[in-house]
N, C-alpha and C. Protein backbone atom coordinates (compact mmCIF):
# COMPACT_ATOMS: atom_id res chain seq x y z
N MET A 1 -0.08 29.51 49.30
CA MET A 1 0.15 30.07 47.99
C MET A 1 1.07 29.17 47.15
N VAL A 2 2.22 28.80 47.71
CA VAL A 2 3.16 27.92 47.01
C VAL A 2 2.53 26.55 46.84
N LEU A 3 1.85 26.07 47.88
CA LEU A 3 1.20 24.77 47.80
C LEU A 3 0.13 24.75 46.71
N ASP A 4 -0.63 25.84 46.56
CA ASP A 4 -1.64 25.93 45.50
C ASP A 4 -0.99 25.83 44.12
N ARG A 5 0.16 26.47 43.96
CA ARG A 5 0.87 26.41 42.67
C ARG A 5 1.39 25.01 42.39
N VAL A 6 1.87 24.35 43.42
CA VAL A 6 2.37 22.99 43.25
C VAL A 6 1.23 22.06 42.86
N VAL A 7 0.09 22.18 43.54
CA VAL A 7 -1.08 21.36 43.23
C VAL A 7 -1.55 21.64 41.80
N ALA A 8 -1.60 22.89 41.40
CA ALA A 8 -2.03 23.26 40.05
C ALA A 8 -1.05 22.70 39.02
N ALA A 9 0.24 22.76 39.33
CA ALA A 9 1.25 22.23 38.40
C ALA A 9 1.10 20.72 38.27
N GLU A 10 0.83 20.03 39.38
CA GLU A 10 0.63 18.57 39.33
C GLU A 10 -0.59 18.22 38.49
N ARG A 11 -1.66 18.97 38.64
CA ARG A 11 -2.87 18.73 37.84
C ARG A 11 -2.57 18.96 36.35
N ALA A 12 -1.88 20.04 36.05
CA ALA A 12 -1.54 20.34 34.66
C ALA A 12 -0.63 19.25 34.08
N LEU A 13 0.30 18.78 34.88
CA LEU A 13 1.19 17.71 34.43
C LEU A 13 0.41 16.42 34.19
N ALA A 14 -0.51 16.08 35.06
CA ALA A 14 -1.32 14.88 34.90
C ALA A 14 -2.19 14.99 33.64
N ALA A 15 -2.78 16.17 33.42
CA ALA A 15 -3.61 16.38 32.23
C ALA A 15 -2.75 16.27 30.97
N ALA A 16 -1.56 16.84 31.01
CA ALA A 16 -0.67 16.77 29.85
C ALA A 16 -0.24 15.33 29.59
N SER A 17 -0.01 14.57 30.65
CA SER A 17 0.37 13.17 30.51
C SER A 17 -0.75 12.36 29.87
N ARG A 18 -2.00 12.60 30.30
CA ARG A 18 -3.14 11.89 29.70
C ARG A 18 -3.29 12.26 28.23
N ARG A 19 -3.13 13.52 27.92
CA ARG A 19 -3.23 13.98 26.53
C ARG A 19 -2.13 13.35 25.67
N LEU A 20 -0.93 13.26 26.21
CA LEU A 20 0.18 12.65 25.49
C LEU A 20 -0.08 11.18 25.22
N GLU A 21 -0.62 10.46 26.19
CA GLU A 21 -0.97 9.05 25.99
C GLU A 21 -2.02 8.91 24.90
N HIS A 22 -3.01 9.79 24.90
CA HIS A 22 -4.05 9.76 23.88
C HIS A 22 -3.45 10.03 22.51
N LEU A 23 -2.59 11.03 22.40
CA LEU A 23 -1.96 11.35 21.12
C LEU A 23 -1.06 10.22 20.63
N ALA A 24 -0.35 9.58 21.53
CA ALA A 24 0.50 8.45 21.15
C ALA A 24 -0.35 7.30 20.59
N SER A 25 -1.50 7.07 21.18
CA SER A 25 -2.41 6.04 20.69
C SER A 25 -2.91 6.39 19.30
N ARG A 26 -3.26 7.65 19.09
CA ARG A 26 -3.74 8.10 17.77
C ARG A 26 -2.65 7.98 16.72
N VAL A 27 -1.41 8.31 17.08
CA VAL A 27 -0.30 8.18 16.14
C VAL A 27 -0.14 6.72 15.73
N ASP A 28 -0.25 5.81 16.67
CA ASP A 28 -0.17 4.38 16.34
C ASP A 28 -1.28 3.97 15.38
N GLN A 29 -2.49 4.48 15.60
CA GLN A 29 -3.61 4.16 14.72
C GLN A 29 -3.38 4.72 13.31
N VAL A 30 -2.91 5.95 13.24
CA VAL A 30 -2.65 6.57 11.94
C VAL A 30 -1.54 5.82 11.21
N ASP A 31 -0.50 5.43 11.94
CA ASP A 31 0.60 4.68 11.34
C ASP A 31 0.11 3.35 10.80
N GLU A 32 -0.72 2.64 11.54
CA GLU A 32 -1.28 1.36 11.07
C GLU A 32 -2.11 1.57 9.81
N HIS A 33 -2.91 2.62 9.81
CA HIS A 33 -3.73 2.92 8.65
C HIS A 33 -2.84 3.25 7.44
N ALA A 34 -1.80 4.01 7.65
CA ALA A 34 -0.90 4.39 6.55
C ALA A 34 -0.18 3.17 5.97
N GLN A 35 0.15 2.21 6.80
CA GLN A 35 0.83 1.00 6.33
C GLN A 35 -0.06 0.21 5.38
N ARG A 36 -1.38 0.31 5.52
CA ARG A 36 -2.31 -0.45 4.69
C ARG A 36 -2.70 0.31 3.42
N GLY A 37 -2.28 1.56 3.30
CA GLY A 37 -2.61 2.35 2.12
C GLY A 37 -1.66 2.07 0.96
N LEU A 38 -2.06 2.47 -0.22
CA LEU A 38 -1.26 2.27 -1.42
C LEU A 38 0.06 3.03 -1.28
N GLN A 39 1.17 2.30 -1.37
CA GLN A 39 2.48 2.91 -1.24
C GLN A 39 3.44 2.51 -2.35
N ARG A 40 3.17 1.41 -2.98
CA ARG A 40 4.09 0.89 -4.00
C ARG A 40 3.32 0.62 -5.29
N VAL A 41 3.86 1.13 -6.38
CA VAL A 41 3.23 0.94 -7.69
C VAL A 41 4.31 0.50 -8.68
N GLY A 42 4.02 -0.54 -9.42
CA GLY A 42 4.93 -0.99 -10.47
C GLY A 42 4.12 -1.30 -11.72
N ILE A 43 4.62 -0.84 -12.87
CA ILE A 43 3.91 -1.11 -14.12
C ILE A 43 4.91 -1.59 -15.17
N VAL A 44 4.49 -2.61 -15.90
CA VAL A 44 5.29 -3.16 -16.99
C VAL A 44 4.40 -3.19 -18.22
N ARG A 45 4.84 -2.52 -19.28
CA ARG A 45 4.11 -2.53 -20.55
C ARG A 45 4.81 -3.51 -21.49
N TYR A 46 4.01 -4.21 -22.31
CA TYR A 46 4.60 -5.22 -23.18
C TYR A 46 3.62 -5.57 -24.30
N ASP A 47 4.13 -6.31 -25.27
CA ASP A 47 3.30 -6.84 -26.35
C ASP A 47 2.90 -8.27 -25.98
N ALA A 48 1.65 -8.46 -25.66
CA ALA A 48 1.18 -9.78 -25.27
C ALA A 48 1.04 -10.70 -26.48
N PHE A 49 0.82 -10.11 -27.65
CA PHE A 49 0.63 -10.88 -28.87
C PHE A 49 1.58 -10.36 -29.94
N LYS A 50 2.23 -11.25 -30.65
CA LYS A 50 3.26 -10.88 -31.63
C LYS A 50 2.73 -10.01 -32.76
N GLU A 51 1.48 -10.22 -33.14
CA GLU A 51 0.94 -9.47 -34.28
C GLU A 51 0.59 -8.03 -33.91
N LEU A 52 0.66 -7.69 -32.66
CA LEU A 52 0.28 -6.35 -32.21
C LEU A 52 1.47 -5.69 -31.55
N GLY A 53 1.84 -4.52 -31.98
CA GLY A 53 2.97 -3.80 -31.39
C GLY A 53 2.49 -2.64 -30.54
N GLY A 54 3.42 -1.86 -30.07
CA GLY A 54 3.09 -0.65 -29.32
C GLY A 54 3.00 -0.83 -27.82
N HIS A 55 3.33 -1.99 -27.32
CA HIS A 55 3.26 -2.24 -25.87
C HIS A 55 1.91 -1.82 -25.29
N LEU A 56 0.83 -2.32 -25.87
CA LEU A 56 -0.51 -1.95 -25.44
C LEU A 56 -1.00 -2.77 -24.24
N SER A 57 -0.37 -3.90 -23.96
CA SER A 57 -0.73 -4.70 -22.80
C SER A 57 0.11 -4.24 -21.62
N PHE A 58 -0.39 -4.49 -20.41
CA PHE A 58 0.38 -4.08 -19.23
C PHE A 58 0.01 -4.91 -18.01
N SER A 59 0.93 -4.93 -17.05
CA SER A 59 0.69 -5.50 -15.73
C SER A 59 0.98 -4.40 -14.72
N LEU A 60 0.06 -4.19 -13.80
CA LEU A 60 0.14 -3.12 -12.83
C LEU A 60 0.03 -3.70 -11.42
N ALA A 61 1.06 -3.48 -10.61
CA ALA A 61 1.04 -3.95 -9.22
C ALA A 61 0.72 -2.76 -8.31
N LEU A 62 -0.25 -2.92 -7.43
CA LEU A 62 -0.64 -1.91 -6.45
C LEU A 62 -0.50 -2.53 -5.07
N LEU A 63 0.50 -2.10 -4.31
CA LEU A 63 0.83 -2.76 -3.04
C LEU A 63 0.93 -1.75 -1.89
N ASP A 64 0.73 -2.25 -0.68
CA ASP A 64 0.93 -1.42 0.50
C ASP A 64 2.34 -1.63 1.04
N ALA A 65 2.63 -1.10 2.21
CA ALA A 65 3.98 -1.19 2.78
C ALA A 65 4.37 -2.63 3.08
N ARG A 66 3.40 -3.49 3.30
CA ARG A 66 3.68 -4.91 3.59
C ARG A 66 3.80 -5.74 2.32
N ARG A 67 3.70 -5.06 1.17
CA ARG A 67 3.74 -5.69 -0.15
C ARG A 67 2.51 -6.59 -0.36
N ASP A 68 1.39 -6.19 0.25
CA ASP A 68 0.09 -6.84 0.03
C ASP A 68 -0.70 -5.96 -0.93
N GLY A 69 -1.50 -6.59 -1.77
CA GLY A 69 -2.33 -5.83 -2.69
C GLY A 69 -2.81 -6.68 -3.85
N VAL A 70 -2.63 -6.14 -5.05
CA VAL A 70 -3.15 -6.80 -6.24
C VAL A 70 -2.23 -6.49 -7.42
N VAL A 71 -2.17 -7.45 -8.35
CA VAL A 71 -1.53 -7.20 -9.64
C VAL A 71 -2.62 -7.39 -10.69
N ILE A 72 -2.76 -6.37 -11.53
CA ILE A 72 -3.78 -6.36 -12.57
C ILE A 72 -3.08 -6.41 -13.92
N SER A 73 -3.53 -7.32 -14.78
CA SER A 73 -2.97 -7.41 -16.12
C SER A 73 -4.08 -7.23 -17.14
N VAL A 74 -3.78 -6.43 -18.15
CA VAL A 74 -4.70 -6.23 -19.26
C VAL A 74 -3.97 -6.61 -20.53
N LEU A 75 -4.51 -7.61 -21.23
CA LEU A 75 -3.91 -8.11 -22.46
C LEU A 75 -4.77 -7.63 -23.63
N ASN A 76 -4.19 -6.80 -24.47
CA ASN A 76 -4.90 -6.23 -25.61
C ASN A 76 -4.54 -6.96 -26.89
N ASP A 77 -5.55 -7.26 -27.69
CA ASP A 77 -5.33 -7.81 -29.03
C ASP A 77 -6.26 -7.10 -30.01
N ARG A 78 -6.27 -7.51 -31.23
CA ARG A 78 -7.07 -6.82 -32.25
C ARG A 78 -8.58 -6.90 -31.99
N ASP A 79 -9.02 -7.94 -31.31
CA ASP A 79 -10.45 -8.14 -31.09
C ASP A 79 -10.95 -7.59 -29.74
N GLY A 80 -10.06 -7.12 -28.91
CA GLY A 80 -10.49 -6.61 -27.61
C GLY A 80 -9.41 -6.74 -26.57
N ALA A 81 -9.85 -6.82 -25.34
CA ALA A 81 -8.91 -6.90 -24.23
C ALA A 81 -9.44 -7.86 -23.18
N ARG A 82 -8.52 -8.48 -22.48
CA ARG A 82 -8.85 -9.35 -21.36
C ARG A 82 -8.14 -8.81 -20.14
N ALA A 83 -8.82 -8.79 -19.01
CA ALA A 83 -8.23 -8.28 -17.78
C ALA A 83 -8.21 -9.37 -16.72
N TYR A 84 -7.15 -9.39 -15.95
CA TYR A 84 -6.98 -10.37 -14.88
C TYR A 84 -6.50 -9.64 -13.63
N ALA A 85 -6.99 -10.04 -12.48
CA ALA A 85 -6.53 -9.49 -11.21
C ALA A 85 -6.16 -10.65 -10.31
N LYS A 86 -4.98 -10.54 -9.68
CA LYS A 86 -4.50 -11.60 -8.80
C LYS A 86 -4.08 -10.98 -7.47
N PRO A 87 -4.54 -11.55 -6.36
CA PRO A 87 -4.15 -11.02 -5.05
C PRO A 87 -2.66 -11.26 -4.79
N VAL A 88 -2.07 -10.33 -4.04
CA VAL A 88 -0.65 -10.43 -3.69
C VAL A 88 -0.54 -10.26 -2.18
N THR A 89 0.20 -11.17 -1.54
CA THR A 89 0.46 -11.10 -0.10
C THR A 89 1.95 -11.25 0.12
N GLY A 90 2.54 -10.24 0.71
CA GLY A 90 3.98 -10.30 0.97
C GLY A 90 4.81 -10.38 -0.30
N GLY A 91 4.30 -9.81 -1.39
CA GLY A 91 5.03 -9.83 -2.65
C GLY A 91 4.88 -11.10 -3.46
N ARG A 92 4.00 -12.00 -3.00
CA ARG A 92 3.76 -13.27 -3.70
C ARG A 92 2.26 -13.48 -3.90
N SER A 93 1.94 -14.33 -4.86
CA SER A 93 0.55 -14.65 -5.11
C SER A 93 0.36 -16.16 -5.09
N THR A 94 -0.81 -16.59 -4.69
CA THR A 94 -1.12 -18.02 -4.74
C THR A 94 -1.45 -18.44 -6.17
N TYR A 95 -1.67 -17.46 -7.05
CA TYR A 95 -1.92 -17.73 -8.46
C TYR A 95 -0.60 -17.72 -9.22
N ALA A 96 -0.55 -18.45 -10.31
CA ALA A 96 0.64 -18.43 -11.16
C ALA A 96 0.78 -17.03 -11.76
N LEU A 97 1.98 -16.50 -11.71
CA LEU A 97 2.25 -15.16 -12.22
C LEU A 97 3.05 -15.23 -13.51
N SER A 98 2.70 -14.37 -14.45
CA SER A 98 3.50 -14.27 -15.66
C SER A 98 4.80 -13.54 -15.32
N GLU A 99 5.75 -13.59 -16.22
CA GLU A 99 7.01 -12.88 -16.03
C GLU A 99 6.75 -11.38 -15.85
N GLU A 100 5.83 -10.83 -16.62
CA GLU A 100 5.53 -9.40 -16.55
C GLU A 100 4.85 -9.04 -15.23
N GLU A 101 3.97 -9.90 -14.74
CA GLU A 101 3.33 -9.65 -13.45
C GLU A 101 4.35 -9.68 -12.33
N GLN A 102 5.26 -10.63 -12.37
CA GLN A 102 6.31 -10.72 -11.35
C GLN A 102 7.21 -9.49 -11.41
N ARG A 103 7.53 -9.02 -12.62
CA ARG A 103 8.37 -7.81 -12.76
C ARG A 103 7.66 -6.60 -12.18
N ALA A 104 6.35 -6.47 -12.42
CA ALA A 104 5.59 -5.35 -11.88
C ALA A 104 5.61 -5.36 -10.35
N ILE A 105 5.48 -6.55 -9.76
CA ILE A 105 5.53 -6.67 -8.30
C ILE A 105 6.92 -6.29 -7.79
N THR A 106 7.95 -6.76 -8.48
CA THR A 106 9.32 -6.46 -8.08
C THR A 106 9.60 -4.96 -8.18
N GLU A 107 9.08 -4.30 -9.21
CA GLU A 107 9.27 -2.86 -9.37
C GLU A 107 8.53 -2.04 -8.32
N ALA A 108 7.42 -2.60 -7.81
CA ALA A 108 6.61 -1.85 -6.84
C ALA A 108 7.31 -1.75 -5.49
């Protein structure tokens, strides 16, 4: 009788241990996924052209926890708008960044 309970407890403990290992693995996977998701946002509004006011142009940085992502700039003038996207890795880009783009990354 006591031996049966001990054996049952050992089986339950082994099953719980396997379940805990599985859950720990899933937590690691979820954490890795969360690190790659959007976590940092920075936006800087400004006047790209002197003849146009109202801060209609902007630079928007969208980064993950590793500071990887993209900075998007939209420059508005009287005739339309131009948009630019530059990749960001570790808070830096291989492309030349404007002052406003760098500020957006720093704010993110």
